[in-house]
């Protein structure tokens, strides 16, 4: 659509109207610059021409990106997932799921960042995998999937580190499976691992006054695992 230009001569301080709601006032002239004032309805947007044209051009360019370039750019800028080597092979993980253990684990105090990896979708067994060491992955499980009565005690320092009381924390225990003897798999109850999923902080808390046996075998001879159903 072609626009026609109306040429008017105005002195500083004089105004002109566009319709009833728009008033343009010449505020001053200095060299080639004209300072104007605009009285317009609040719902009307006013843009400088160079800004309007730049945004218009950027919007147009944003509609012309081909799919291959779009996918490539998304992969380059994707910060939501990282790939690590684990006991289960290469795994893609989300950084926000990394759990920080400020004190490490017993015997592995220099390893502080871990991720929980499901072994199989329906399995109660999990790998607590070090982010930094592919070979360091502990087999753990939720003890309450197998036993009903298991109490974990926390002292004040441990509560401060975990930023929570024990009833708000996830509790995992390590598992031991003698080589070639899966029927002797057992839960180790002395050194539970507590995780605050809200803060992503974990802590292993050895129990000095354990109220139950130190370990529980998952299988009775010739029977299925003792899942707590």
Protein backbone atom coordinates (compact mmCIF):
# COMPACT_ATOMS: atom_id res chain seq x y z
CA UNK A 1 0.00 0.00 0.00
CA UNK A 2 1.44 3.36 -1.03
CA UNK A 3 1.33 6.17 1.50
CA UNK A 4 0.77 9.80 0.54
CA UNK A 5 2.78 12.41 2.40
CA UNK A 6 1.16 15.59 3.64
CA UNK A 7 3.69 18.42 3.97
CA UNK A 8 2.87 21.05 6.59
CA UNK A 9 4.73 24.03 7.95
CA UNK A 10 4.52 24.54 11.72
CA UNK A 11 6.29 26.81 14.14
CA UNK A 12 7.65 25.71 17.50
CA UNK A 13 4.79 25.43 19.98
CA UNK A 14 2.17 24.84 17.31
CA UNK A 15 0.25 21.60 17.05
CA UNK A 16 -1.67 19.58 14.55
CA UNK A 17 -4.23 16.84 15.08
CA UNK A 18 -4.59 13.42 13.50
CA UNK A 19 -8.19 12.48 14.12
CA UNK A 20 -9.62 13.61 17.46
CA UNK A 21 -7.29 11.63 19.70
CA UNK A 22 -3.80 12.32 18.39
CA UNK A 23 -2.05 15.68 18.79
CA UNK A 24 1.43 16.40 17.49
CA UNK A 25 3.19 19.47 18.90
CA UNK A 26 6.42 20.99 17.57
CA UNK A 27 8.52 21.55 20.69
CA UNK A 28 11.63 22.92 19.07
CA UNK A 29 13.89 22.96 16.04
CA UNK A 30 17.68 22.82 16.17
CA UNK A 31 19.54 22.40 12.91
CA UNK A 32 18.18 19.33 11.17
CA UNK A 33 16.56 17.98 14.32
CA UNK A 34 12.94 18.58 15.20
CA UNK A 35 11.74 17.82 18.70
CA UNK A 36 8.08 16.84 18.79
CA UNK A 37 5.59 15.86 21.44
CA UNK A 38 2.84 13.30 20.96
CA UNK A 39 -0.46 13.11 22.81
CA UNK A 40 -1.95 9.73 21.95
CA UNK A 41 -4.42 7.28 23.55
CA UNK A 42 -2.74 4.98 26.11
CA UNK A 43 -3.56 1.87 24.08
CA UNK A 44 -1.62 3.15 21.05
CA UNK A 45 2.04 2.07 20.71
CA UNK A 46 4.58 4.56 19.39
CA UNK A 47 7.97 3.31 18.12
CA UNK A 48 10.97 5.01 16.57
CA UNK A 49 11.24 3.97 12.94
CA UNK A 50 14.67 2.37 13.31
CA UNK A 51 13.46 0.24 16.22
CA UNK A 52 10.31 -0.79 14.40
CA UNK A 53 12.25 -1.75 11.26
CA UNK A 54 14.87 -3.71 13.20
CA UNK A 55 12.30 -5.76 15.09
CA UNK A 56 10.32 -6.32 11.92
CA UNK A 57 13.43 -7.63 10.16
CA UNK A 58 14.34 -9.90 13.09
CA UNK A 59 10.83 -11.34 13.18
CA UNK A 60 10.96 -12.04 9.47
CA UNK A 61 14.33 -13.76 9.74
CA UNK A 62 13.05 -15.88 12.64
CA UNK A 63 10.44 -17.39 10.32
CA UNK A 64 12.96 -18.45 7.67
CA UNK A 65 15.22 -20.81 9.68
CA UNK A 66 15.31 -24.28 8.11
CA UNK A 67 14.70 -27.34 10.27
CA UNK A 68 18.28 -28.66 10.11
CA UNK A 69 19.70 -25.40 11.41
CA UNK A 70 16.97 -25.23 14.04
CA UNK A 71 17.82 -28.70 15.40
CA UNK A 72 21.56 -28.01 15.30
CA UNK A 73 21.17 -24.77 17.24
CA UNK A 74 18.97 -26.46 19.84
CA UNK A 75 21.60 -29.14 20.40
CA UNK A 76 24.37 -26.58 20.79
CA UNK A 77 22.47 -24.58 23.38
CA UNK A 78 20.81 -27.45 25.25
CA UNK A 79 21.92 -27.11 28.88
CA UNK A 80 19.27 -29.40 30.31
CA UNK A 81 21.09 -32.70 29.76
CA UNK A 82 24.65 -33.96 29.99
CA UNK A 83 26.19 -37.31 29.09
CA UNK A 84 28.30 -39.23 31.62
CA UNK A 85 29.98 -42.64 31.70
CA UNK A 86 28.55 -44.98 34.34
CA UNK A 87 28.53 -48.62 35.40
CA UNK A 88 25.50 -48.97 33.15
CA UNK A 89 27.25 -47.40 30.15
CA UNK A 90 26.77 -43.89 28.86
CA UNK A 91 23.78 -42.16 30.40
CA UNK A 92 22.09 -38.86 29.62
CA UNK A 93 21.20 -37.03 32.82
CA UNK A 94 19.62 -33.76 33.84
CA UNK A 95 21.98 -31.53 35.89
CA UNK A 96 19.23 -30.56 38.31
CA UNK A 97 19.01 -34.22 39.42
CA UNK A 98 22.63 -34.33 40.58
CA UNK A 99 22.86 -34.90 44.35
CA UNK A 100 25.64 -33.21 46.31
CA UNK A 101 27.19 -35.13 49.20
CA UNK A 102 29.22 -32.49 51.11
CA UNK A 103 31.09 -35.17 53.06
CA UNK A 104 31.23 -37.74 50.27
CA UNK A 105 30.49 -41.35 51.17
CA UNK A 106 32.31 -43.51 53.71
CA UNK A 107 35.54 -44.57 51.98
CA UNK A 108 34.90 -42.20 49.07
CA UNK A 109 35.05 -38.84 50.82
CA UNK A 110 36.56 -37.08 47.79
CA UNK A 111 33.57 -37.91 45.57
CA UNK A 112 30.70 -35.55 46.26
CA UNK A 113 28.44 -35.50 43.21
CA UNK A 114 26.17 -38.45 42.49
CA UNK A 115 23.12 -39.34 40.45
CA UNK A 116 20.54 -42.08 40.97
CA UNK A 117 20.17 -44.42 37.98
CA UNK A 118 17.34 -46.90 37.63
CA UNK A 119 18.63 -50.34 36.60
CA UNK A 120 15.29 -51.46 35.19
CA UNK A 121 11.95 -49.61 35.13
CA UNK A 122 10.23 -51.88 37.65
CA UNK A 123 13.29 -52.80 39.70
CA UNK A 124 13.63 -51.73 43.36
CA UNK A 125 17.40 -51.62 42.88
CA UNK A 126 19.18 -48.37 41.98
CA UNK A 127 22.74 -47.35 41.18
CA UNK A 128 24.08 -44.38 43.15
CA UNK A 129 26.54 -43.28 40.49
CA UNK A 130 29.47 -40.91 40.89
CA UNK A 131 29.47 -38.15 38.28
CA UNK A 132 33.29 -38.07 38.21
CA UNK A 133 34.19 -41.77 38.35
CA UNK A 134 32.41 -44.19 35.98
CA UNK A 135 33.55 -47.19 38.06
CA UNK A 136 32.11 -45.82 41.29
CA UNK A 137 28.48 -46.83 41.35
CA UNK A 138 26.93 -48.25 44.51
CA UNK A 139 24.01 -50.64 44.38
CA UNK A 140 21.31 -49.24 46.69
CA UNK A 141 17.65 -49.81 47.42
CA UNK A 142 14.75 -48.43 49.40
CA UNK A 143 14.77 -50.62 52.52
CA UNK A 144 11.05 -50.14 53.06
CA UNK A 145 10.39 -52.07 49.86
CA UNK A 146 11.61 -55.12 51.75
CA UNK A 147 11.21 -54.53 55.49
CA UNK A 148 8.61 -52.70 57.52
CA UNK A 149 10.55 -51.71 60.61
CA UNK A 150 13.73 -49.74 60.14
CA UNK A 151 14.47 -46.56 62.10
CA UNK A 152 17.23 -44.09 61.27
CA UNK A 153 18.49 -41.65 63.89
CA UNK A 154 19.99 -38.24 63.07
CA UNK A 155 21.96 -35.95 65.35
CA UNK A 156 21.68 -32.16 65.19
CA UNK A 157 24.73 -31.75 62.94
CA UNK A 158 23.36 -34.25 60.43
CA UNK A 159 19.98 -32.51 60.42
CA UNK A 160 21.73 -29.21 59.73
CA UNK A 161 23.65 -30.65 56.78
CA UNK A 162 20.52 -32.22 55.32
CA UNK A 163 18.40 -29.18 56.18
CA UNK A 164 15.54 -31.41 57.28
CA UNK A 165 14.17 -33.83 59.82
CA UNK A 166 14.47 -37.51 59.01
CA UNK A 167 10.77 -37.99 58.20
CA UNK A 168 11.11 -35.65 55.20
CA UNK A 169 14.10 -37.46 53.71
CA UNK A 170 14.49 -40.36 51.32
CA UNK A 171 16.35 -43.30 52.85
CA UNK A 172 18.44 -45.74 50.84
CA UNK A 173 20.74 -48.55 51.94
CA UNK A 174 23.59 -50.22 50.12
CA UNK A 175 23.32 -53.79 48.87
CA UNK A 176 25.86 -56.60 48.83
CA UNK A 177 25.76 -59.45 46.31
CA UNK A 178 28.58 -62.02 46.66
CA UNK A 179 30.11 -62.83 43.28
CA UNK A 180 28.19 -65.65 41.62
CA UNK A 181 25.75 -65.90 44.54
CA UNK A 182 22.79 -63.59 43.82
CA UNK A 183 20.69 -65.67 46.22
CA UNK A 184 22.81 -64.22 49.04
CA UNK A 185 21.98 -60.60 48.15
CA UNK A 186 21.45 -58.54 51.27
CA UNK A 187 20.54 -55.06 52.46
CA UNK A 188 23.14 -53.35 54.65
CA UNK A 189 21.35 -51.36 57.34
CA UNK A 190 24.28 -49.91 59.30
CA UNK A 191 25.15 -47.08 56.88
CA UNK A 192 21.93 -45.64 55.44
CA UNK A 193 22.16 -42.90 52.81
CA UNK A 194 19.73 -40.02 53.31
CA UNK A 195 18.74 -37.62 50.54
CA UNK A 196 16.89 -34.33 50.65
CA UNK A 197 15.35 -34.21 47.18
CA UNK A 198 14.29 -30.57 47.63
CA UNK A 199 17.84 -29.30 48.16
CA UNK A 200 19.60 -32.18 46.35
CA UNK A 201 21.81 -32.81 49.38
CA UNK A 202 22.81 -36.29 50.51
CA UNK A 203 24.57 -37.71 53.54
CA UNK A 204 25.58 -41.18 54.67
CA UNK A 205 24.69 -41.59 58.33
CA UNK A 206 26.24 -44.62 60.10
CA UNK A 207 23.94 -45.88 62.84
CA UNK A 208 25.76 -46.45 66.13
CA UNK A 209 22.67 -47.65 67.99
CA UNK A 210 20.94 -49.79 65.39
CA UNK A 211 17.60 -51.07 66.66
CA UNK A 212 17.55 -53.99 64.24
CA UNK A 213 19.96 -56.46 62.65
CA UNK A 214 22.85 -55.01 60.65
CA UNK A 215 21.73 -56.65 57.40
CA UNK A 216 18.78 -58.47 55.86
CA UNK A 217 18.98 -61.15 53.18
CA UNK A 218 16.60 -60.56 50.30
CA UNK A 219 15.97 -64.22 49.59
CA UNK A 220 14.97 -67.14 51.70
CA UNK A 221 16.30 -70.40 50.23
CA UNK A 222 14.18 -71.40 47.24
CA UNK A 223 11.82 -68.42 47.61
CA UNK A 224 11.17 -65.08 45.91
CA UNK A 225 12.68 -61.84 47.26
CA UNK A 226 11.12 -60.71 50.51
CA UNK A 227 9.42 -57.68 48.99
CA UNK A 228 7.35 -55.80 51.55
CA UNK A 229 3.93 -55.83 49.88
